[in-house]
Amino acid sequence: MALGLLGTAAAPSAVADQPSAGQLRVTIGPASRAQASGFAASTAANATCTINKITVNRYSECEWVSIHVDVIKVINGKPELEGTVDFDVKHQMTLKANSANWSEKFHVSKARTTGAGSGVAASITAASAGGTKATVHFPNGHVLSSSAADGTVGYATSIAPKKINPKAKTKYAYTFTKPGYSPGSVTYNSAVYRCDNYYGSTKTSRAGCAVPDVPTGVSMVGLARIDEGIRKLRANGGHYGDPNGGKPLHWMINKKQEDANRKAVCPSSAPPDMKRAGRTSCDEYPFASSHEGGTHLPAKQREITWVKVQENKSQGGRITAWRGKMHVMDGDPFYVIA
């Protein structure tokens, strides 16, 4: 998210022609890109806050923004600083795994002002996309130097069963006013989120929303042969999907490509010794249902393991449950715990 000097309601050339005109000019603190460390093996507590950063996990974000307003008077074409306003806004957004409607709280600090900065008021709006409507509740016209103020944003999403909405983000827009001065404005965005009802049916909704760029994790622990095969690959240098410093895998929703990936690495039948052991089902890693599946990676970054049919079925059930819980869709990054 790039933040910087954003325009005011009146262009400098327009006010420069006036012998005496006032302006509110707004800048915003530099924000880092959304930060996501590690992976999410389960739904997590709210993301913590750091000044001028967006911090996210799979189901929440905290965005803490510093805003600066210069109160300018243009006298005979020369801008003169008459005062300043400095304040912070802290957003805490919490998405839901079992609903496409959610809420956000934000806190506007009491402003620190100098000179003519006293009396500057703020109004706030928010807009979303991707089938989601954002509604702000805030005492618009709030005088920043008078006190702190709290607000909320309510999110309501329309989504049909079996559908995945486009990725979206919230655009926050501020308008600053003071009698005798042309208004100033600034905008910034939230982290990206996405809502889906992919597992829903005509009778049952399974809608939910998540931050798709945060990797999640699925565990193979307890699936003896599958777990063993992945650990052996990693011991020999295979690192894709390894949560301990490896590159993430990316889920794929494409049945035709999934079948092709599996056929590319799995023989049509098990070797004789595996048949005698009852291990007749081929388990491939990376999964055929990932964008890295099949032969997309070098041979040293992939492996197959012959397992009993029931173990492969157990793995399939585990993956399906994980995908539904964490709302993992095509292209989402993930790790495999082994």
C-alpha atoms as a PDB file:
ATOM      1  CA  MET A   1       0.000   0.000   0.000  1.00  0.00           C
ATOM      2  CA  ALA A   2       1.658   3.255  -1.125  1.00  0.00           C
ATOM      3  CA  LEU A   3       0.817   6.302   0.939  1.00  0.00           C
ATOM      4  CA  GLY A   4       2.011   9.866   0.508  1.00  0.00           C
ATOM      5  CA  LEU A   5       0.975  13.437  -0.139  1.00  0.00           C
ATOM      6  CA  LEU A   6      -2.592  13.504  -1.374  1.00  0.00           C
ATOM      7  CA  GLY A   7      -4.490  16.439  -2.848  1.00  0.00           C
ATOM      8  CA  THR A   8      -6.781  19.010  -1.289  1.00  0.00           C
ATOM      9  CA  ALA A   9     -10.191  20.135  -2.473  1.00  0.00           C
ATOM     10  CA  ALA A  10      -8.841  23.366  -3.923  1.00  0.00           C
ATOM     11  CA  ALA A  11      -5.957  23.334  -6.403  1.00  0.00           C
ATOM     12  CA  PRO A  12      -2.970  25.553  -5.437  1.00  0.00           C
ATOM     13  CA  SER A  13      -3.296  27.560  -8.670  1.00  0.00           C
ATOM     14  CA  ALA A  14      -6.897  28.436  -7.825  1.00  0.00           C
ATOM     15  CA  VAL A  15      -6.172  29.728  -4.359  1.00  0.00           C
ATOM     16  CA  ALA A  16      -2.995  31.504  -5.463  1.00  0.00           C
ATOM     17  CA  ASP A  17      -5.123  33.958  -7.436  1.00  0.00           C
ATOM     18  CA  GLN A  18      -6.894  35.019  -4.255  1.00  0.00           C
ATOM     19  CA  PRO A  19      -5.302  37.720  -2.081  1.00  0.00           C
ATOM     20  CA  SER A  20      -6.070  35.709   1.071  1.00  0.00           C
ATOM     21  CA  ALA A  21      -7.248  32.110   1.052  1.00  0.00           C
ATOM     22  CA  GLY A  22      -7.046  29.212   3.465  1.00  0.00           C
ATOM     23  CA  GLN A  23      -6.256  25.560   2.724  1.00  0.00           C
ATOM     24  CA  LEU A  24      -6.013  22.296   4.609  1.00  0.00           C
ATOM     25  CA  ARG A  25      -3.200  20.147   3.242  1.00  0.00           C
ATOM     26  CA  VAL A  26      -2.999  16.523   4.365  1.00  0.00           C
ATOM     27  CA  THR A  27      -0.210  13.935   4.479  1.00  0.00           C
ATOM     28  CA  ILE A  28      -0.248  10.458   5.912  1.00  0.00           C
ATOM     29  CA  GLY A  29       2.451   8.398   7.574  1.00  0.00           C
ATOM     30  CA  PRO A  30       4.349   5.907   5.384  1.00  0.00           C
ATOM     31  CA  ALA A  31       2.813   2.439   5.808  1.00  0.00           C
ATOM     32  CA  SER A  32       4.664  -0.790   5.213  1.00  0.00           C
ATOM     33  CA  ARG A  33       3.101  -3.493   3.101  1.00  0.00           C
ATOM     34  CA  ALA A  34       0.894  -5.942   4.926  1.00  0.00           C
ATOM     35  CA  GLN A  35       2.997  -8.121   7.193  1.00  0.00           C
ATOM     36  CA  ALA A  36       2.305 -11.858   7.569  1.00  0.00           C
ATOM     37  CA  SER A  37       4.759 -13.975   9.532  1.00  0.00           C
ATOM     38  CA  GLY A  38       4.703 -17.763   9.727  1.00  0.00           C
ATOM     39  CA  PHE A  39       1.473 -19.503   8.851  1.00  0.00           C
ATOM     40  CA  ALA A  40      -1.998 -20.062  10.273  1.00  0.00           C
ATOM     41  CA  ALA A  41      -2.661 -23.626  11.383  1.00  0.00           C
ATOM     42  CA  SER A  42      -5.931 -22.510  12.983  1.00  0.00           C
ATOM     43  CA  THR A  43      -8.023 -19.387  13.412  1.00  0.00           C
ATOM     44  CA  ALA A  44      -5.975 -16.907  15.434  1.00  0.00           C
ATOM     45  CA  ALA A  45      -6.487 -14.032  17.822  1.00  0.00           C
ATOM     46  CA  ASN A  46      -6.685 -10.490  16.497  1.00  0.00           C
ATOM     47  CA  ALA A  47      -3.607  -9.171  14.773  1.00  0.00           C
ATOM     48  CA  THR A  48      -1.491  -6.848  16.902  1.00  0.00           C
ATOM     49  CA  CYS A  49      -0.878  -3.208  16.002  1.00  0.00           C
ATOM     50  CA  THR A  50       2.283  -1.377  14.975  1.00  0.00           C
ATOM     51  CA  ILE A  51       2.374   2.321  14.081  1.00  0.00           C
ATOM     52  CA  ASN A  52       2.188   3.013  10.336  1.00  0.00           C
ATOM     53  CA  LYS A  53       1.902  -0.671   9.441  1.00  0.00           C
ATOM     54  CA  ILE A  54      -0.801  -3.123   8.461  1.00  0.00           C
ATOM     55  CA  THR A  55      -0.449  -6.363  10.417  1.00  0.00           C
ATOM     56  CA  VAL A  56      -2.585  -9.333   9.382  1.00  0.00           C
ATOM     57  CA  ASN A  57      -3.368 -12.927  10.144  1.00  0.00           C
ATOM     58  CA  ARG A  58      -5.829 -15.179   8.323  1.00  0.00           C
ATOM     59  CA  TYR A  59      -8.920 -13.650   9.939  1.00  0.00           C
ATOM     60  CA  SER A  60      -8.006 -10.188  11.154  1.00  0.00           C
ATOM     61  CA  GLU A  61      -5.967  -7.088  10.493  1.00  0.00           C
ATOM     62  CA  CYS A  62      -4.773  -4.127  12.495  1.00  0.00           C
ATOM     63  CA  GLU A  63      -3.918  -0.930  10.668  1.00  0.00           C
ATOM     64  CA  TRP A  64      -2.458   1.982  12.617  1.00  0.00           C
ATOM     65  CA  VAL A  65      -2.135   5.200  10.621  1.00  0.00           C
ATOM     66  CA  SER A  66      -0.693   8.605  11.512  1.00  0.00           C
ATOM     67  CA  ILE A  67      -2.214  11.620   9.754  1.00  0.00           C
ATOM     68  CA  HIS A  68      -0.858  15.180   9.547  1.00  0.00           C
ATOM     69  CA  VAL A  69      -2.820  18.258   8.477  1.00  0.00           C
ATOM     70  CA  ASP A  70      -1.202  21.626   7.670  1.00  0.00           C
ATOM     71  CA  VAL A  71      -3.425  24.658   8.071  1.00  0.00           C
ATOM     72  CA  ILE A  72      -2.267  27.008   5.317  1.00  0.00           C
ATOM     73  CA  LYS A  73      -3.202  30.600   4.557  1.00  0.00           C
ATOM     74  CA  VAL A  74      -2.252  31.811   1.081  1.00  0.00           C
ATOM     75  CA  ILE A  75      -1.542  35.547   1.290  1.00  0.00           C
ATOM     76  CA  ASN A  76      -0.860  37.339  -2.016  1.00  0.00           C
ATOM     77  CA  GLY A  77       0.024  34.016  -3.600  1.00  0.00           C
ATOM     78  CA  LYS A  78       2.419  32.960  -0.825  1.00  0.00           C
ATOM     79  CA  PRO A  79       1.444  30.015   1.415  1.00  0.00           C
ATOM     80  CA  GLU A  80       2.035  30.550   5.108  1.00  0.00           C
ATOM     81  CA  LEU A  81       1.723  27.836   7.740  1.00  0.00           C
ATOM     82  CA  GLU A  82      -0.755  28.868  10.412  1.00  0.00           C
ATOM     83  CA  GLY A  83      -1.050  25.633  12.363  1.00  0.00           C
ATOM     84  CA  THR A  84      -0.879  21.850  12.337  1.00  0.00           C
ATOM     85  CA  VAL A  85      -2.952  18.842  13.342  1.00  0.00           C
ATOM     86  CA  ASP A  86      -1.494  15.415  14.146  1.00  0.00           C
ATOM     87  CA  PHE A  87      -3.494  12.355  15.148  1.00  0.00           C
ATOM     88  CA  ASP A  88      -3.562   8.555  14.804  1.00  0.00           C
ATOM     89  CA  VAL A  89      -6.249   6.151  13.648  1.00  0.00           C
ATOM     90  CA  LYS A  90      -6.173   2.523  14.734  1.00  0.00           C
ATOM     91  CA  HIS A  91      -8.342  -0.009  12.854  1.00  0.00           C
ATOM     92  CA  GLN A  92      -9.109  -3.504  14.140  1.00  0.00           C
ATOM     93  CA  MET A  93     -10.929  -5.631  11.559  1.00  0.00           C
ATOM     94  CA  THR A  94     -12.118  -9.131  12.448  1.00  0.00           C
ATOM     95  CA  LEU A  95     -13.337 -11.403   9.661  1.00  0.00           C
ATOM     96  CA  LYS A  96     -15.442 -14.517  10.195  1.00  0.00           C
ATOM     97  CA  ALA A  97     -14.870 -18.072   9.002  1.00  0.00           C
ATOM     98  CA  ASN A  98     -18.608 -18.827   9.178  1.00  0.00           C
ATOM     99  CA  SER A  99     -20.185 -15.607   7.944  1.00  0.00           C
ATOM    100  CA  ALA A 100     -19.678 -13.153   5.087  1.00  0.00           C
ATOM    101  CA  ASN A 101     -20.820 -10.292   7.333  1.00  0.00           C
ATOM    102  CA  TRP A 102     -18.325  -8.866   9.787  1.00  0.00           C
ATOM    103  CA  SER A 103     -17.327  -5.713  11.648  1.00  0.00           C
ATOM    104  CA  GLU A 104     -14.454  -3.366  12.265  1.00  0.00           C
ATOM    105  CA  LYS A 105     -13.687  -0.963  15.084  1.00  0.00           C
ATOM    106  CA  PHE A 106     -11.515   2.114  14.733  1.00  0.00           C
ATOM    107  CA  HIS A 107     -10.238   4.686  17.193  1.00  0.00           C
ATOM    108  CA  VAL A 108      -9.343   8.273  16.303  1.00  0.00           C
ATOM    109  CA  SER A 109      -6.982   9.775  18.862  1.00  0.00           C
ATOM    110  CA  LYS A 110      -7.326  13.276  20.260  1.00  0.00           C
ATOM    111  CA  ALA A 111      -5.275  15.505  17.972  1.00  0.00           C
ATOM    112  CA  ARG A 112      -2.112  17.344  18.893  1.00  0.00           C
ATOM    113  CA  THR A 113      -2.448  20.830  17.413  1.00  0.00           C
ATOM    114  CA  THR A 114      -0.496  24.016  16.982  1.00  0.00           C
ATOM    115  CA  GLY A 115      -1.819  27.467  16.111  1.00  0.00           C
ATOM    116  CA  ALA A 116      -4.844  27.415  13.821  1.00  0.00           C
ATOM    117  CA  GLY A 117      -4.947  23.610  13.942  1.00  0.00           C
ATOM    118  CA  SER A 118      -7.500  23.897  16.716  1.00  0.00           C
ATOM    119  CA  GLY A 119     -11.024  23.512  15.350  1.00  0.00           C
ATOM    120  CA  VAL A 120     -10.257  21.288  12.359  1.00  0.00           C
ATOM    121  CA  ALA A 121     -13.028  18.695  11.991  1.00  0.00           C
ATOM    122  CA  ALA A 122     -13.001  15.287  10.310  1.00  0.00           C
ATOM    123  CA  SER A 123     -15.606  13.192   8.515  1.00  0.00           C
ATOM    124  CA  ILE A 124     -14.923   9.569   7.513  1.00  0.00           C
ATOM    125  CA  THR A 125     -16.425   7.258   4.900  1.00  0.00           C
ATOM    126  CA  ALA A 126     -15.496   3.732   3.778  1.00  0.00           C
ATOM    127  CA  ALA A 127     -16.168   1.771   0.621  1.00  0.00           C
ATOM    128  CA  SER A 128     -15.564  -1.837  -0.382  1.00  0.00           C
ATOM    129  CA  ALA A 129     -16.000  -3.958  -3.516  1.00  0.00           C
ATOM    130  CA  GLY A 130     -16.230  -7.605  -4.536  1.00  0.00           C
ATOM    131  CA  GLY A 131     -19.854  -7.919  -3.433  1.00  0.00           C
ATOM    132  CA  THR A 132     -19.241  -6.360  -0.001  1.00  0.00           C
ATOM    133  CA  LYS A 133     -20.883  -3.165   1.234  1.00  0.00           C
ATOM    134  CA  ALA A 134     -19.200  -1.114   3.964  1.00  0.00           C
ATOM    135  CA  THR A 135     -21.198   1.176   6.269  1.00  0.00           C
ATOM    136  CA  VAL A 136     -19.465   3.627   8.618  1.00  0.00           C
ATOM    137  CA  HIS A 137     -20.797   4.761  11.973  1.00  0.00           C
ATOM    138  CA  PHE A 138     -18.809   7.781  13.166  1.00  0.00           C
ATOM    139  CA  PRO A 139     -19.692  11.247  14.526  1.00  0.00           C
ATOM    140  CA  ASN A 140     -18.860  13.037  11.271  1.00  0.00           C
ATOM    141  CA  GLY A 141     -17.835  16.635  11.750  1.00  0.00           C
ATOM    142  CA  HIS A 142     -15.876  15.576  14.840  1.00  0.00           C
ATOM    143  CA  VAL A 143     -13.469  18.312  16.000  1.00  0.00           C
ATOM    144  CA  LEU A 144     -10.154  16.524  16.297  1.00  0.00           C
ATOM    145  CA  SER A 145      -8.669  18.712  19.018  1.00  0.00           C
ATOM    146  CA  SER A 146     -11.683  18.308  21.322  1.00  0.00           C
ATOM    147  CA  SER A 147     -11.412  14.612  22.204  1.00  0.00           C
ATOM    148  CA  ALA A 148     -10.758  11.121  20.909  1.00  0.00           C
ATOM    149  CA  ALA A 149     -13.574   9.405  19.020  1.00  0.00           C
ATOM    150  CA  ASP A 150     -14.554   5.846  18.160  1.00  0.00           C
ATOM    151  CA  GLY A 151     -16.236   4.462  15.084  1.00  0.00           C
ATOM    152  CA  THR A 152     -17.246   1.192  13.477  1.00  0.00           C
ATOM    153  CA  VAL A 153     -17.544  -0.199   9.973  1.00  0.00           C
ATOM    154  CA  GLY A 154     -20.167  -2.849   9.285  1.00  0.00           C
ATOM    155  CA  TYR A 155     -19.633  -5.193   6.341  1.00  0.00           C
ATOM    156  CA  ALA A 156     -22.427  -7.056   4.551  1.00  0.00           C
ATOM    157  CA  THR A 157     -21.633  -9.397   1.670  1.00  0.00           C
ATOM    158  CA  SER A 158     -23.851 -10.875  -1.005  1.00  0.00           C
ATOM    159  CA  ILE A 159     -22.602 -14.226  -2.301  1.00  0.00           C
ATOM    160  CA  ALA A 160     -24.321 -17.197  -3.886  1.00  0.00           C
ATOM    161  CA  PRO A 161     -23.587 -20.860  -3.040  1.00  0.00           C
ATOM    162  CA  LYS A 162     -20.582 -22.371  -4.827  1.00  0.00           C
ATOM    163  CA  LYS A 163     -19.243 -18.902  -5.594  1.00  0.00           C
ATOM    164  CA  ILE A 164     -16.010 -17.099  -4.756  1.00  0.00           C
ATOM    165  CA  ASN A 165     -16.190 -13.309  -4.680  1.00  0.00           C
ATOM    166  CA  PRO A 166     -13.353 -11.204  -6.119  1.00  0.00           C
ATOM    167  CA  LYS A 167     -10.668 -10.016  -3.745  1.00  0.00           C
ATOM    168  CA  ALA A 168     -11.439  -6.612  -2.263  1.00  0.00           C
ATOM    169  CA  LYS A 169     -10.209  -4.040   0.230  1.00  0.00           C
ATOM    170  CA  THR A 170     -11.651  -1.142   2.135  1.00  0.00           C
ATOM    171  CA  LYS A 171     -10.932   2.406   0.967  1.00  0.00           C
ATOM    172  CA  TYR A 172     -11.121   4.883   3.833  1.00  0.00           C
ATOM    173  CA  ALA A 173     -11.714   8.523   2.867  1.00  0.00           C
ATOM    174  CA  TYR A 174     -11.305  11.531   5.192  1.00  0.00           C
ATOM    175  CA  THR A 175     -12.553  15.052   4.640  1.00  0.00           C
ATOM    176  CA  PHE A 176     -11.142  17.816   6.862  1.00  0.00           C
ATOM    177  CA  THR A 177     -12.940  21.132   7.309  1.00  0.00           C
ATOM    178  CA  LYS A 178     -12.463  24.398   9.145  1.00  0.00           C
ATOM    179  CA  PRO A 179     -14.451  27.599   8.658  1.00  0.00           C
ATOM    180  CA  GLY A 180     -12.641  29.959   6.300  1.00  0.00           C
ATOM    181  CA  TYR A 181     -10.497  27.210   4.736  1.00  0.00           C
ATOM    182  CA  SER A 182     -10.999  25.006   1.708  1.00  0.00           C
ATOM    183  CA  PRO A 183     -11.391  21.342   2.752  1.00  0.00           C
ATOM    184  CA  GLY A 184      -8.567  18.826   2.667  1.00  0.00           C
ATOM    185  CA  SER A 185      -8.820  15.114   2.026  1.00  0.00           C
ATOM    186  CA  VAL A 186      -6.861  11.875   2.227  1.00  0.00           C
ATOM    187  CA  THR A 187      -7.501   8.197   1.463  1.00  0.00           C
ATOM    188  CA  TYR A 188      -5.842   4.900   2.298  1.00  0.00           C
ATOM    189  CA  ASN A 189      -6.693   1.194   1.994  1.00  0.00           C
ATOM    190  CA  SER A 190      -7.027  -1.837   4.221  1.00  0.00           C
ATOM    191  CA  ALA A 191      -5.365  -5.165   3.536  1.00  0.00           C
ATOM    192  CA  VAL A 192      -6.950  -7.370   0.880  1.00  0.00           C
ATOM    193  CA  TYR A 193      -9.706  -9.779   1.910  1.00  0.00           C
ATOM    194  CA  ARG A 194     -11.913 -12.243   0.043  1.00  0.00           C
ATOM    195  CA  CYS A 195     -15.302 -13.841   0.733  1.00  0.00           C
ATOM    196  CA  ASP A 196     -16.581 -17.156  -0.580  1.00  0.00           C
ATOM    197  CA  ASN A 197     -19.470 -19.591  -0.259  1.00  0.00           C
ATOM    198  CA  TYR A 198     -17.602 -22.287  -2.145  1.00  0.00           C
ATOM    199  CA  TYR A 199     -18.756 -25.184   0.017  1.00  0.00           C
ATOM    200  CA  GLY A 200     -22.323 -23.936   0.279  1.00  0.00           C
ATOM    201  CA  SER A 201     -25.374 -25.644  -1.173  1.00  0.00           C
ATOM    202  CA  THR A 202     -28.755 -24.401  -2.312  1.00  0.00           C
ATOM    203  CA  LYS A 203     -30.043 -25.073   1.212  1.00  0.00           C
ATOM    204  CA  THR A 204     -27.018 -24.367   3.391  1.00  0.00           C
ATOM    205  CA  SER A 205     -24.659 -21.391   3.371  1.00  0.00           C
ATOM    206  CA  ARG A 206     -21.024 -21.905   4.323  1.00  0.00           C
ATOM    207  CA  ALA A 207     -19.944 -18.382   3.534  1.00  0.00           C
ATOM    208  CA  GLY A 208     -16.941 -16.800   5.201  1.00  0.00           C
ATOM    209  CA  CYS A 209     -14.135 -14.337   4.565  1.00  0.00           C
ATOM    210  CA  ALA A 210     -10.371 -14.442   5.041  1.00  0.00           C
ATOM    211  CA  VAL A 211      -7.150 -12.593   4.248  1.00  0.00           C
ATOM    212  CA  PRO A 212      -6.001 -14.754   1.299  1.00  0.00           C
ATOM    213  CA  ASP A 213      -2.356 -13.665   1.238  1.00  0.00           C
ATOM    214  CA  VAL A 214      -1.677 -15.125   4.699  1.00  0.00           C
ATOM    215  CA  PRO A 215      -0.413 -18.710   4.333  1.00  0.00           C
ATOM    216  CA  THR A 216      -2.309 -21.361   6.236  1.00  0.00           C
ATOM    217  CA  GLY A 217      -1.093 -24.826   7.195  1.00  0.00           C
ATOM    218  CA  VAL A 218      -2.429 -28.372   6.928  1.00  0.00           C
ATOM    219  CA  SER A 219      -1.003 -31.156   9.082  1.00  0.00           C
ATOM    220  CA  MET A 220      -0.005 -34.615   7.874  1.00  0.00           C
ATOM    221  CA  VAL A 221       1.116 -35.646  11.370  1.00  0.00           C
ATOM    222  CA  GLY A 222      -0.457 -38.985  12.296  1.00  0.00           C
ATOM    223  CA  LEU A 223      -0.655 -40.208   8.689  1.00  0.00           C
ATOM    224  CA  ALA A 224       2.346 -42.455   9.155  1.00  0.00           C
ATOM    225  CA  ARG A 225       3.591 -43.196   5.634  1.00  0.00           C
ATOM    226  CA  ILE A 226       2.571 -39.848   4.139  1.00  0.00           C
ATOM    227  CA  ASP A 227       4.230 -37.961   6.976  1.00  0.00           C
ATOM    228  CA  GLU A 228       7.343 -40.128   6.631  1.00  0.00           C
ATOM    229  CA  GLY A 229       7.620 -39.505   2.886  1.00  0.00           C
ATOM    230  CA  ILE A 230       7.434 -35.714   3.285  1.00  0.00           C
ATOM    231  CA  ARG A 231      10.004 -35.716   6.089  1.00  0.00           C
ATOM    232  CA  LYS A 232      12.429 -37.808   4.035  1.00  0.00           C
ATOM    233  CA  LEU A 233      12.088 -35.398   1.111  1.00  0.00           C
ATOM    234  CA  ARG A 234      12.823 -32.452   3.364  1.00  0.00           C
ATOM    235  CA  ALA A 235      15.799 -34.203   4.925  1.00  0.00           C
ATOM    236  CA  ASN A 236      17.248 -34.442   1.392  1.00  0.00           C
ATOM    237  CA  GLY A 237      16.696 -30.762   0.617  1.00  0.00           C
ATOM    238  CA  GLY A 238      13.083 -30.571  -0.498  1.00  0.00           C
ATOM    239  CA  HIS A 239      11.729 -27.336   0.927  1.00  0.00           C
ATOM    240  CA  TYR A 240       8.459 -26.465  -0.819  1.00  0.00           C
ATOM    241  CA  GLY A 241       5.632 -26.383   1.690  1.00  0.00           C
ATOM    242  CA  ASP A 242       8.018 -26.561   4.662  1.00  0.00           C
ATOM    243  CA  PRO A 243       6.876 -24.062   7.337  1.00  0.00           C
ATOM    244  CA  ASN A 244      10.427 -23.955   8.691  1.00  0.00           C
ATOM    245  CA  GLY A 245      11.878 -21.629   6.087  1.00  0.00           C
ATOM    246  CA  GLY A 246      10.614 -23.218   2.879  1.00  0.00           C
ATOM    247  CA  LYS A 247       8.612 -21.681   0.068  1.00  0.00           C
ATOM    248  CA  PRO A 248       4.826 -22.060   0.325  1.00  0.00           C
ATOM    249  CA  LEU A 249       2.768 -24.207  -1.978  1.00  0.00           C
ATOM    250  CA  HIS A 250      -0.318 -22.739  -3.682  1.00  0.00           C
ATOM    251  CA  TRP A 251      -3.695 -24.443  -3.824  1.00  0.00           C
ATOM    252  CA  MET A 252      -5.241 -25.162  -7.211  1.00  0.00           C
ATOM    253  CA  ILE A 253      -8.896 -25.586  -8.191  1.00  0.00           C
ATOM    254  CA  ASN A 254      -8.642 -27.282 -11.578  1.00  0.00           C
ATOM    255  CA  LYS A 255      -9.725 -30.929 -11.701  1.00  0.00           C
ATOM    256  CA  LYS A 256      -8.345 -31.545 -15.196  1.00  0.00           C
ATOM    257  CA  GLN A 257      -4.888 -30.228 -14.251  1.00  0.00           C
ATOM    258  CA  GLU A 258      -5.011 -32.081 -10.926  1.00  0.00           C
ATOM    259  CA  ASP A 259      -5.572 -35.386 -12.746  1.00  0.00           C
ATOM    260  CA  ALA A 260      -2.762 -34.575 -15.180  1.00  0.00           C
ATOM    261  CA  ASN A 261      -0.412 -33.743 -12.299  1.00  0.00           C
ATOM    262  CA  ARG A 262      -1.146 -37.054 -10.606  1.00  0.00           C
ATOM    263  CA  LYS A 263      -0.672 -39.095 -13.791  1.00  0.00           C
ATOM    264  CA  ALA A 264       2.637 -37.336 -14.453  1.00  0.00           C
ATOM    265  CA  VAL A 265       4.241 -38.693 -11.272  1.00  0.00           C
ATOM    266  CA  CYS A 266       2.241 -41.756 -10.157  1.00  0.00           C
ATOM    267  CA  PRO A 267       2.686 -45.114 -11.963  1.00  0.00           C
ATOM    268  CA  SER A 268      -0.473 -46.966 -12.934  1.00  0.00           C
ATOM    269  CA  SER A 269       0.195 -49.704 -10.368  1.00  0.00           C
ATOM    270  CA  ALA A 270       2.283 -50.238  -7.252  1.00  0.00           C
ATOM    271  CA  PRO A 271       5.589 -52.159  -7.271  1.00  0.00           C
ATOM    272  CA  PRO A 272       5.358 -55.822  -6.197  1.00  0.00           C
ATOM    273  CA  ASP A 273       6.845 -55.240  -2.724  1.00  0.00           C
ATOM    274  CA  MET A 274       4.343 -52.442  -2.046  1.00  0.00           C
ATOM    275  CA  LYS A 275       1.466 -54.656  -3.199  1.00  0.00           C
ATOM    276  CA  ARG A 276       2.589 -57.368  -0.778  1.00  0.00           C
ATOM    277  CA  ALA A 277       2.573 -54.773   2.005  1.00  0.00           C
ATOM    278  CA  GLY A 278      -0.924 -53.629   1.057  1.00  0.00           C
ATOM    279  CA  ARG A 279       0.364 -50.182   0.065  1.00  0.00           C
ATOM    280  CA  THR A 280      -1.280 -49.824  -3.352  1.00  0.00           C
ATOM    281  CA  SER A 281      -2.267 -46.134  -3.319  1.00  0.00           C
ATOM    282  CA  CYS A 282       0.152 -43.531  -4.675  1.00  0.00           C
ATOM    283  CA  ASP A 283       0.498 -40.376  -2.592  1.00  0.00           C
ATOM    284  CA  GLU A 284       2.264 -37.536  -4.377  1.00  0.00           C
ATOM    285  CA  TYR A 285       3.996 -34.532  -2.836  1.00  0.00           C
ATOM    286  CA  PRO A 286       3.571 -31.683  -3.589  1.00  0.00           C
ATOM    287  CA  PHE A 287      -0.115 -32.481  -3.838  1.00  0.00           C
ATOM    288  CA  ALA A 288      -1.531 -32.897  -7.330  1.00  0.00           C
ATOM    289  CA  SER A 289      -4.082 -30.273  -6.299  1.00  0.00           C
ATOM    290  CA  SER A 290      -1.392 -27.619  -5.889  1.00  0.00           C
ATOM    291  CA  HIS A 291       0.097 -25.382  -8.573  1.00  0.00           C
ATOM    292  CA  GLU A 292       3.459 -26.977  -7.770  1.00  0.00           C
ATOM    293  CA  GLY A 293       2.107 -30.530  -8.283  1.00  0.00           C
ATOM    294  CA  GLY A 294       3.020 -33.023 -10.971  1.00  0.00           C
ATOM    295  CA  THR A 295       6.349 -32.262 -12.622  1.00  0.00           C
ATOM    296  CA  HIS A 296       6.185 -28.503 -12.147  1.00  0.00           C
ATOM    297  CA  LEU A 297       9.075 -28.708  -9.661  1.00  0.00           C
ATOM    298  CA  PRO A 298      12.479 -30.394 -10.169  1.00  0.00           C
ATOM    299  CA  ALA A 299      12.654 -34.070  -9.177  1.00  0.00           C
ATOM    300  CA  LYS A 300      14.640 -33.266  -6.016  1.00  0.00           C
ATOM    301  CA  GLN A 301      11.735 -31.127  -4.797  1.00  0.00           C
ATOM    302  CA  ARG A 302       9.046 -33.832  -5.088  1.00  0.00           C
ATOM    303  CA  GLU A 303       8.364 -37.433  -4.120  1.00  0.00           C
ATOM    304  CA  ILE A 304       5.765 -40.200  -4.169  1.00  0.00           C
ATOM    305  CA  THR A 305       4.955 -42.604  -1.348  1.00  0.00           C
ATOM    306  CA  TRP A 306       2.963 -45.822  -1.607  1.00  0.00           C
ATOM    307  CA  VAL A 307       0.392 -45.994   1.153  1.00  0.00           C
ATOM    308  CA  LYS A 308      -2.662 -48.010   2.080  1.00  0.00           C
ATOM    309  CA  VAL A 309      -5.887 -46.835   0.483  1.00  0.00           C
ATOM    310  CA  GLN A 310      -7.399 -45.897   3.855  1.00  0.00           C
ATOM    311  CA  GLU A 311      -4.479 -43.597   4.679  1.00  0.00           C
ATOM    312  CA  ASN A 312      -4.947 -41.718   1.420  1.00  0.00           C
ATOM    313  CA  LYS A 313      -8.672 -41.415   2.096  1.00  0.00           C
ATOM    314  CA  SER A 314      -7.919 -40.055   5.575  1.00  0.00           C
ATOM    315  CA  GLN A 315      -5.606 -37.491   4.035  1.00  0.00           C
ATOM    316  CA  GLY A 316      -8.317 -36.414   1.603  1.00  0.00           C
ATOM    317  CA  GLY A 317     -10.813 -35.897   4.428  1.00  0.00           C
ATOM    318  CA  ARG A 318      -8.260 -33.929   6.424  1.00  0.00           C
ATOM    319  CA  ILE A 319      -7.476 -31.639   3.489  1.00  0.00           C
ATOM    320  CA  THR A 320     -11.173 -31.036   2.759  1.00  0.00           C
ATOM    321  CA  ALA A 321     -11.850 -30.094   6.389  1.00  0.00           C
ATOM    322  CA  TRP A 322      -8.816 -27.774   6.440  1.00  0.00           C
ATOM    323  CA  ARG A 323      -9.822 -26.026   3.223  1.00  0.00           C
ATOM    324  CA  GLY A 324     -13.340 -25.372   4.452  1.00  0.00           C
ATOM    325  CA  LYS A 325     -12.224 -24.114   7.851  1.00  0.00           C
ATOM    326  CA  MET A 326      -9.528 -21.804   6.495  1.00  0.00           C
ATOM    327  CA  HIS A 327     -11.351 -20.822   3.256  1.00  0.00           C
ATOM    328  CA  VAL A 328      -8.452 -21.902   1.049  1.00  0.00           C
ATOM    329  CA  MET A 329      -9.130 -21.105  -2.598  1.00  0.00           C
ATOM    330  CA  ASP A 330      -7.234 -21.232  -5.874  1.00  0.00           C
ATOM    331  CA  GLY A 331      -3.822 -19.599  -5.621  1.00  0.00           C
ATOM    332  CA  ASP A 332      -3.807 -19.307  -1.824  1.00  0.00           C
ATOM    333  CA  PRO A 333      -0.397 -20.018  -0.235  1.00  0.00           C
ATOM    334  CA  PHE A 334      -0.099 -22.844   2.302  1.00  0.00           C
ATOM    335  CA  TYR A 335       2.369 -25.002   4.177  1.00  0.00           C
ATOM    336  CA  VAL A 336       2.308 -28.692   5.066  1.00  0.00           C
ATOM    337  CA  ILE A 337       3.131 -29.688   8.630  1.00  0.00           C
ATOM    338  CA  ALA A 338       4.995 -32.997   8.872  1.00  0.00           C
END
